[in-house]
Amino acid sequence: PRVDWSVGLRHLPLQDIIKNVKGQEGVYEDMIRRKPNDPKWFKGGLYHDDMPLNTPAYWFVSWYDVSSAPNIALFN
């Protein structure tokens, strides 16, 4: 079924958006419920705060990327 996301994304609480539009369960539900210090955030990914960064690199981040602030801090 087609979803009108202009309506669907206004649903609260956020963790129930997918369920509210009758979508299938996936990674969103797990991610939206995690606390900032959940160990699952440290599985995978390219870089974590406890890793050394000794090689110049090009990091691309978009304006609406949820990781903009950590990437800017890493650059600084």
PDB file of N, CA and C in Angstrom:
ATOM      1  N   PRO A   1       0.826  -1.205   0.000  1.00  0.00           N
ATOM      2  CA  PRO A   1       0.000   0.000   0.000  1.00  0.00           C
ATOM      3  C   PRO A   1       0.861   1.256   0.000  1.00  0.00           C
ATOM      4  N   ARG A   2       0.378   2.254  -0.639  1.00  0.00           N
ATOM      5  CA  ARG A   2       1.085   3.527  -0.744  1.00  0.00           C
ATOM      6  C   ARG A   2       0.935   4.325   0.548  1.00  0.00           C
ATOM      7  N   VAL A   3       2.021   4.967   0.984  1.00  0.00           N
ATOM      8  CA  VAL A   3       2.017   5.732   2.234  1.00  0.00           C
ATOM      9  C   VAL A   3       2.161   7.217   1.923  1.00  0.00           C
ATOM     10  N   ASP A   4       1.325   8.021   2.540  1.00  0.00           N
ATOM     11  CA  ASP A   4       1.467   9.477   2.447  1.00  0.00           C
ATOM     12  C   ASP A   4       2.413   9.888   3.572  1.00  0.00           C
ATOM     13  N   TRP A   5       3.709   9.998   3.255  1.00  0.00           N
ATOM     14  CA  TRP A   5       4.708  10.266   4.280  1.00  0.00           C
ATOM     15  C   TRP A   5       4.590  11.654   4.885  1.00  0.00           C
ATOM     16  N   SER A   6       3.937  12.593   4.187  1.00  0.00           N
ATOM     17  CA  SER A   6       3.737  13.913   4.789  1.00  0.00           C
ATOM     18  C   SER A   6       2.846  13.794   6.023  1.00  0.00           C
ATOM     19  N   VAL A   7       2.011  12.778   6.060  1.00  0.00           N
ATOM     20  CA  VAL A   7       1.178  12.493   7.231  1.00  0.00           C
ATOM     21  C   VAL A   7       1.878  11.472   8.132  1.00  0.00           C
ATOM     22  N   GLY A   8       2.413  10.423   7.539  1.00  0.00           N
ATOM     23  CA  GLY A   8       3.032   9.336   8.297  1.00  0.00           C
ATOM     24  C   GLY A   8       4.166   9.775   9.198  1.00  0.00           C
ATOM     25  N   LEU A   9       4.975  10.723   8.757  1.00  0.00           N
ATOM     26  CA  LEU A   9       6.126  11.154   9.554  1.00  0.00           C
ATOM     27  C   LEU A   9       5.750  12.068  10.709  1.00  0.00           C
ATOM     28  N   ARG A  10       4.508  12.484  10.788  1.00  0.00           N
ATOM     29  CA  ARG A  10       4.063  13.331  11.899  1.00  0.00           C
ATOM     30  C   ARG A  10       3.574  12.523  13.087  1.00  0.00           C
ATOM     31  N   HIS A  11       3.587  11.221  12.964  1.00  0.00           N
ATOM     32  CA  HIS A  11       3.088  10.354  14.026  1.00  0.00           C
ATOM     33  C   HIS A  11       4.031  10.354  15.223  1.00  0.00           C
ATOM     34  N   LEU A  12       3.467  10.411  16.404  1.00  0.00           N
ATOM     35  CA  LEU A  12       4.240  10.280  17.642  1.00  0.00           C
ATOM     36  C   LEU A  12       3.699   9.111  18.436  1.00  0.00           C
ATOM     37  N   PRO A  13       4.493   8.379  19.148  1.00  0.00           N
ATOM     38  CA  PRO A  13       5.935   8.534  19.293  1.00  0.00           C
ATOM     39  C   PRO A  13       6.672   8.077  18.039  1.00  0.00           C
ATOM     40  N   LEU A  14       7.867   8.637  17.835  1.00  0.00           N
ATOM     41  CA  LEU A  14       8.662   8.322  16.650  1.00  0.00           C
ATOM     42  C   LEU A  14       8.899   6.837  16.465  1.00  0.00           C
ATOM     43  N   GLN A  15       9.096   6.121  17.557  1.00  0.00           N
ATOM     44  CA  GLN A  15       9.419   4.700  17.446  1.00  0.00           C
ATOM     45  C   GLN A  15       8.295   3.885  16.815  1.00  0.00           C
ATOM     46  N   ASP A  16       7.103   4.458  16.704  1.00  0.00           N
ATOM     47  CA  ASP A  16       5.972   3.729  16.130  1.00  0.00           C
ATOM     48  C   ASP A  16       5.585   4.189  14.730  1.00  0.00           C
ATOM     49  N   ILE A  17       6.413   5.022  14.089  1.00  0.00           N
ATOM     50  CA  ILE A  17       6.071   5.534  12.759  1.00  0.00           C
ATOM     51  C   ILE A  17       5.845   4.401  11.769  1.00  0.00           C
ATOM     52  N   ILE A  18       6.762   3.457  11.691  1.00  0.00           N
ATOM     53  CA  ILE A  18       6.650   2.370  10.710  1.00  0.00           C
ATOM     54  C   ILE A  18       5.420   1.517  11.002  1.00  0.00           C
ATOM     55  N   LYS A  19       5.206   1.208  12.266  1.00  0.00           N
ATOM     56  CA  LYS A  19       4.037   0.408  12.643  1.00  0.00           C
ATOM     57  C   LYS A  19       2.745   1.163  12.288  1.00  0.00           C
ATOM     58  N   ASN A  20       2.712   2.468  12.501  1.00  0.00           N
ATOM     59  CA  ASN A  20       1.521   3.268  12.233  1.00  0.00           C
ATOM     60  C   ASN A  20       1.132   3.268  10.754  1.00  0.00           C
ATOM     61  N   VAL A  21       2.119   3.179   9.857  1.00  0.00           N
ATOM     62  CA  VAL A  21       1.815   3.150   8.424  1.00  0.00           C
ATOM     63  C   VAL A  21       1.745   1.722   7.892  1.00  0.00           C
ATOM     64  N   LYS A  22       1.698   0.765   8.832  1.00  0.00           N
ATOM     65  CA  LYS A  22       1.583  -0.656   8.499  1.00  0.00           C
ATOM     66  C   LYS A  22       2.753  -1.170   7.665  1.00  0.00           C
ATOM     67  N   GLY A  23       3.946  -0.658   7.988  1.00  0.00           N
ATOM     68  CA  GLY A  23       5.166  -1.106   7.310  1.00  0.00           C
ATOM     69  C   GLY A  23       5.733  -2.330   7.999  1.00  0.00           C
ATOM     70  N   GLN A  24       6.651  -2.990   7.325  1.00  0.00           N
ATOM     71  CA  GLN A  24       7.256  -4.176   7.919  1.00  0.00           C
ATOM     72  C   GLN A  24       8.347  -3.776   8.907  1.00  0.00           C
ATOM     73  N   GLU A  25       8.541  -4.602   9.917  1.00  0.00           N
ATOM     74  CA  GLU A  25       9.540  -4.319  10.932  1.00  0.00           C
ATOM     75  C   GLU A  25      10.934  -4.478  10.332  1.00  0.00           C
ATOM     76  N   GLY A  26      11.832  -3.604  10.724  1.00  0.00           N
ATOM     77  CA  GLY A  26      13.199  -3.647  10.206  1.00  0.00           C
ATOM     78  C   GLY A  26      14.166  -3.048  11.205  1.00  0.00           C
ATOM     79  N   VAL A  27      15.260  -2.472  10.714  1.00  0.00           N
ATOM     80  CA  VAL A  27      16.296  -1.931  11.595  1.00  0.00           C
ATOM     81  C   VAL A  27      15.874  -0.630  12.263  1.00  0.00           C
ATOM     82  N   TYR A  28      14.929   0.100  11.682  1.00  0.00           N
ATOM     83  CA  TYR A  28      14.522   1.396  12.236  1.00  0.00           C
ATOM     84  C   TYR A  28      14.056   1.275  13.679  1.00  0.00           C
ATOM     85  N   GLU A  29      13.218   0.302  13.940  1.00  0.00           N
ATOM     86  CA  GLU A  29      12.668   0.147  15.294  1.00  0.00           C
ATOM     87  C   GLU A  29      13.777  -0.089  16.316  1.00  0.00           C
ATOM     88  N   ASP A  30      14.756  -0.865  15.950  1.00  0.00           N
ATOM     89  CA  ASP A  30      15.875  -1.124  16.864  1.00  0.00           C
ATOM     90  C   ASP A  30      16.697   0.148  17.075  1.00  0.00           C
ATOM     91  N   MET A  31      16.986   0.851  15.999  1.00  0.00           N
ATOM     92  CA  MET A  31      17.838   2.038  16.102  1.00  0.00           C
ATOM     93  C   MET A  31      17.162   3.176  16.868  1.00  0.00           C
ATOM     94  N   ILE A  32      15.888   3.385  16.655  1.00  0.00           N
ATOM     95  CA  ILE A  32      15.203   4.515  17.284  1.00  0.00           C
ATOM     96  C   ILE A  32      15.051   4.325  18.791  1.00  0.00           C
ATOM     97  N   ARG A  33      15.087   3.086  19.253  1.00  0.00           N
ATOM     98  CA  ARG A  33      14.920   2.809  20.689  1.00  0.00           C
ATOM     99  C   ARG A  33      16.249   2.760  21.447  1.00  0.00           C
ATOM    100  N   ARG A  34      17.371   2.719  20.740  1.00  0.00           N
ATOM    101  CA  ARG A  34      18.680   2.614  21.394  1.00  0.00           C
ATOM    102  C   ARG A  34      19.031   3.883  22.164  1.00  0.00           C
ATOM    103  N   LYS A  35      19.684   3.687  23.274  1.00  0.00           N
ATOM    104  CA  LYS A  35      20.237   4.804  24.036  1.00  0.00           C
ATOM    105  C   LYS A  35      21.584   5.186  23.397  1.00  0.00           C
ATOM    106  N   PRO A  36      22.067   6.405  23.622  1.00  0.00           N
ATOM    107  CA  PRO A  36      23.344   6.807  23.004  1.00  0.00           C
ATOM    108  C   PRO A  36      24.527   5.914  23.369  1.00  0.00           C
ATOM    109  N   ASN A  37      24.516   5.309  24.541  1.00  0.00           N
ATOM    110  CA  ASN A  37      25.650   4.476  24.946  1.00  0.00           C
ATOM    111  C   ASN A  37      25.425   2.983  24.679  1.00  0.00           C
ATOM    112  N   ASP A  38      24.421   2.629  23.899  1.00  0.00           N
ATOM    113  CA  ASP A  38      24.154   1.222  23.581  1.00  0.00           C
ATOM    114  C   ASP A  38      25.360   0.621  22.838  1.00  0.00           C
ATOM    115  N   PRO A  39      25.854  -0.529  23.259  1.00  0.00           N
ATOM    116  CA  PRO A  39      27.010  -1.164  22.598  1.00  0.00           C
ATOM    117  C   PRO A  39      26.781  -1.452  21.118  1.00  0.00           C
ATOM    118  N   LYS A  40      25.529  -1.586  20.686  1.00  0.00           N
ATOM    119  CA  LYS A  40      25.257  -1.876  19.268  1.00  0.00           C
ATOM    120  C   LYS A  40      25.738  -0.746  18.349  1.00  0.00           C
ATOM    121  N   TRP A  41      25.806   0.508  18.859  1.00  0.00           N
ATOM    122  CA  TRP A  41      26.286   1.615  18.033  1.00  0.00           C
ATOM    123  C   TRP A  41      27.746   1.432  17.652  1.00  0.00           C
ATOM    124  N   PHE A  42      28.486   0.644  18.440  1.00  0.00           N
ATOM    125  CA  PHE A  42      29.913   0.488  18.202  1.00  0.00           C
ATOM    126  C   PHE A  42      30.244  -0.739  17.365  1.00  0.00           C
ATOM    127  N   LYS A  43      29.231  -1.449  16.884  1.00  0.00           N
ATOM    128  CA  LYS A  43      29.455  -2.570  15.979  1.00  0.00           C
ATOM    129  C   LYS A  43      29.398  -2.041  14.550  1.00  0.00           C
ATOM    130  N   GLY A  44      30.404  -2.335  13.778  1.00  0.00           N
ATOM    131  CA  GLY A  44      30.437  -1.871  12.398  1.00  0.00           C
ATOM    132  C   GLY A  44      30.813  -0.395  12.332  1.00  0.00           C
ATOM    133  N   GLY A  45      30.562   0.219  11.208  1.00  0.00           N
ATOM    134  CA  GLY A  45      30.900   1.619  11.021  1.00  0.00           C
ATOM    135  C   GLY A  45      32.346   1.792  10.573  1.00  0.00           C
ATOM    136  N   LEU A  46      32.683   3.007  10.209  1.00  0.00           N
ATOM    137  CA  LEU A  46      34.028   3.291   9.720  1.00  0.00           C
ATOM    138  C   LEU A  46      34.983   3.754  10.803  1.00  0.00           C
ATOM    139  N   TYR A  47      34.462   4.477  11.766  1.00  0.00           N
ATOM    140  CA  TYR A  47      35.330   5.090  12.756  1.00  0.00           C
ATOM    141  C   TYR A  47      34.587   5.245  14.075  1.00  0.00           C
ATOM    142  N   HIS A  48      35.308   5.070  15.172  1.00  0.00           N
ATOM    143  CA  HIS A  48      34.752   5.289  16.507  1.00  0.00           C
ATOM    144  C   HIS A  48      35.717   6.168  17.294  1.00  0.00           C
ATOM    145  N   ASP A  49      35.194   6.887  18.274  1.00  0.00           N
ATOM    146  CA  ASP A  49      35.985   7.852  19.036  1.00  0.00           C
ATOM    147  C   ASP A  49      37.216   7.263  19.710  1.00  0.00           C
ATOM    148  N   ASP A  50      37.228   5.980  19.973  1.00  0.00           N
ATOM    149  CA  ASP A  50      38.371   5.385  20.658  1.00  0.00           C
ATOM    150  C   ASP A  50      39.456   4.886  19.692  1.00  0.00           C
ATOM    151  N   MET A  51      39.314   5.187  18.399  1.00  0.00           N
ATOM    152  CA  MET A  51      40.300   4.774  17.397  1.00  0.00           C
ATOM    153  C   MET A  51      41.227   5.942  17.069  1.00  0.00           C
ATOM    154  N   PRO A  52      42.522   5.655  16.838  1.00  0.00           N
ATOM    155  CA  PRO A  52      43.413   6.736  16.417  1.00  0.00           C
ATOM    156  C   PRO A  52      43.141   7.122  14.960  1.00  0.00           C
ATOM    157  N   LEU A  53      43.383   8.363  14.623  1.00  0.00           N
ATOM    158  CA  LEU A  53      43.215   8.821  13.249  1.00  0.00           C
ATOM    159  C   LEU A  53      44.526   9.485  12.849  1.00  0.00           C
ATOM    160  N   ASN A  54      45.382   8.752  12.152  1.00  0.00           N
ATOM    161  CA  ASN A  54      46.715   9.236  11.822  1.00  0.00           C
ATOM    162  C   ASN A  54      46.931   9.426  10.325  1.00  0.00           C
ATOM    163  N   THR A  55      45.946   9.102   9.516  1.00  0.00           N
ATOM    164  CA  THR A  55      46.075   9.182   8.077  1.00  0.00           C
ATOM    165  C   THR A  55      45.100  10.212   7.540  1.00  0.00           C
ATOM    166  N   PRO A  56      45.562  11.149   6.705  1.00  0.00           N
ATOM    167  CA  PRO A  56      44.632  12.111   6.116  1.00  0.00           C
ATOM    168  C   PRO A  56      43.532  11.370   5.354  1.00  0.00           C
ATOM    169  N   ALA A  57      42.332  11.908   5.437  1.00  0.00           N
ATOM    170  CA  ALA A  57      41.200  11.262   4.770  1.00  0.00           C
ATOM    171  C   ALA A  57      40.207  12.320   4.308  1.00  0.00           C
ATOM    172  N   TYR A  58      39.399  11.969   3.344  1.00  0.00           N
ATOM    173  CA  TYR A  58      38.325  12.842   2.867  1.00  0.00           C
ATOM    174  C   TYR A  58      37.014  12.294   3.412  1.00  0.00           C
ATOM    175  N   TRP A  59      36.328  13.084   4.250  1.00  0.00           N
ATOM    176  CA  TRP A  59      35.055  12.675   4.835  1.00  0.00           C
ATOM    177  C   TRP A  59      33.958  13.495   4.187  1.00  0.00           C
ATOM    178  N   PHE A  60      32.974  12.823   3.639  1.00  0.00           N
ATOM    179  CA  PHE A  60      31.846  13.520   3.015  1.00  0.00           C
ATOM    180  C   PHE A  60      30.625  13.380   3.906  1.00  0.00           C
ATOM    181  N   VAL A  61      30.031  14.514   4.247  1.00  0.00           N
ATOM    182  CA  VAL A  61      28.853  14.518   5.110  1.00  0.00           C
ATOM    183  C   VAL A  61      27.830  15.463   4.492  1.00  0.00           C
ATOM    184  N   SER A  62      26.568  15.057   4.432  1.00  0.00           N
ATOM    185  CA  SER A  62      25.532  15.939   3.904  1.00  0.00           C
ATOM    186  C   SER A  62      24.920  16.764   5.031  1.00  0.00           C
ATOM    187  N   TRP A  63      24.230  17.817   4.678  1.00  0.00           N
ATOM    188  CA  TRP A  63      23.645  18.719   5.676  1.00  0.00           C
ATOM    189  C   TRP A  63      22.701  17.998   6.625  1.00  0.00           C
ATOM    190  N   TYR A  64      21.944  17.053   6.129  1.00  0.00           N
ATOM    191  CA  TYR A  64      20.930  16.401   6.955  1.00  0.00           C
ATOM    192  C   TYR A  64      21.369  15.042   7.484  1.00  0.00           C
ATOM    193  N   ASP A  65      22.660  14.774   7.398  1.00  0.00           N
ATOM    194  CA  ASP A  65      23.196  13.520   7.909  1.00  0.00           C
ATOM    195  C   ASP A  65      23.184  13.570   9.442  1.00  0.00           C
ATOM    196  N   VAL A  66      22.701  12.512  10.072  1.00  0.00           N
ATOM    197  CA  VAL A  66      22.621  12.499  11.539  1.00  0.00           C
ATOM    198  C   VAL A  66      24.005  12.520  12.186  1.00  0.00           C
ATOM    199  N   SER A  67      25.045  12.223  11.424  1.00  0.00           N
ATOM    200  CA  SER A  67      26.384  12.201  12.005  1.00  0.00           C
ATOM    201  C   SER A  67      27.187  13.448  11.654  1.00  0.00           C
ATOM    202  N   SER A  68      26.550  14.535  11.270  1.00  0.00           N
ATOM    203  CA  SER A  68      27.283  15.754  10.906  1.00  0.00           C
ATOM    204  C   SER A  68      28.128  16.281  12.055  1.00  0.00           C
ATOM    205  N   ALA A  69      27.543  16.427  13.239  1.00  0.00           N
ATOM    206  CA  ALA A  69      28.284  16.993  14.372  1.00  0.00           C
ATOM    207  C   ALA A  69      29.512  16.150  14.737  1.00  0.00           C
ATOM    208  N   PRO A  70      29.408  14.815  14.859  1.00  0.00           N
ATOM    209  CA  PRO A  70      30.608  14.036  15.167  1.00  0.00           C
ATOM    210  C   PRO A  70      31.672  14.138  14.067  1.00  0.00           C
ATOM    211  N   ASN A  71      31.247  14.223  12.816  1.00  0.00           N
ATOM    212  CA  ASN A  71      32.214  14.338  11.726  1.00  0.00           C
ATOM    213  C   ASN A  71      32.925  15.683  11.740  1.00  0.00           C
ATOM    214  N   ILE A  72      32.213  16.750  12.067  1.00  0.00           N
ATOM    215  CA  ILE A  72      32.838  18.062  12.166  1.00  0.00           C
ATOM    216  C   ILE A  72      33.805  18.081  13.353  1.00  0.00           C
ATOM    217  N   ALA A  73      33.413  17.489  14.461  1.00  0.00           N
ATOM    218  CA  ALA A  73      34.312  17.410  15.621  1.00  0.00           C
ATOM    219  C   ALA A  73      35.563  16.609  15.267  1.00  0.00           C
ATOM    220  N   LEU A  74      35.393  15.542  14.536  1.00  0.00           N
ATOM    221  CA  LEU A  74      36.524  14.724  14.119  1.00  0.00           C
ATOM    222  C   LEU A  74      37.462  15.536  13.232  1.00  0.00           C
ATOM    223  N   PHE A  75      36.899  16.311  12.322  1.00  0.00           N
ATOM    224  CA  PHE A  75      37.701  17.172  11.455  1.00  0.00           C
ATOM    225  C   PHE A  75      38.499  18.169  12.285  1.00  0.00           C
ATOM    226  N   ASN A  76      37.833  18.797  13.246  1.00  0.00           N
ATOM    227  CA  ASN A  76      38.506  19.798  14.088  1.00  0.00           C
ATOM    228  C   ASN A  76      39.593  19.148  14.933  1.00  0.00           C
TER     229      ASN A  76
END
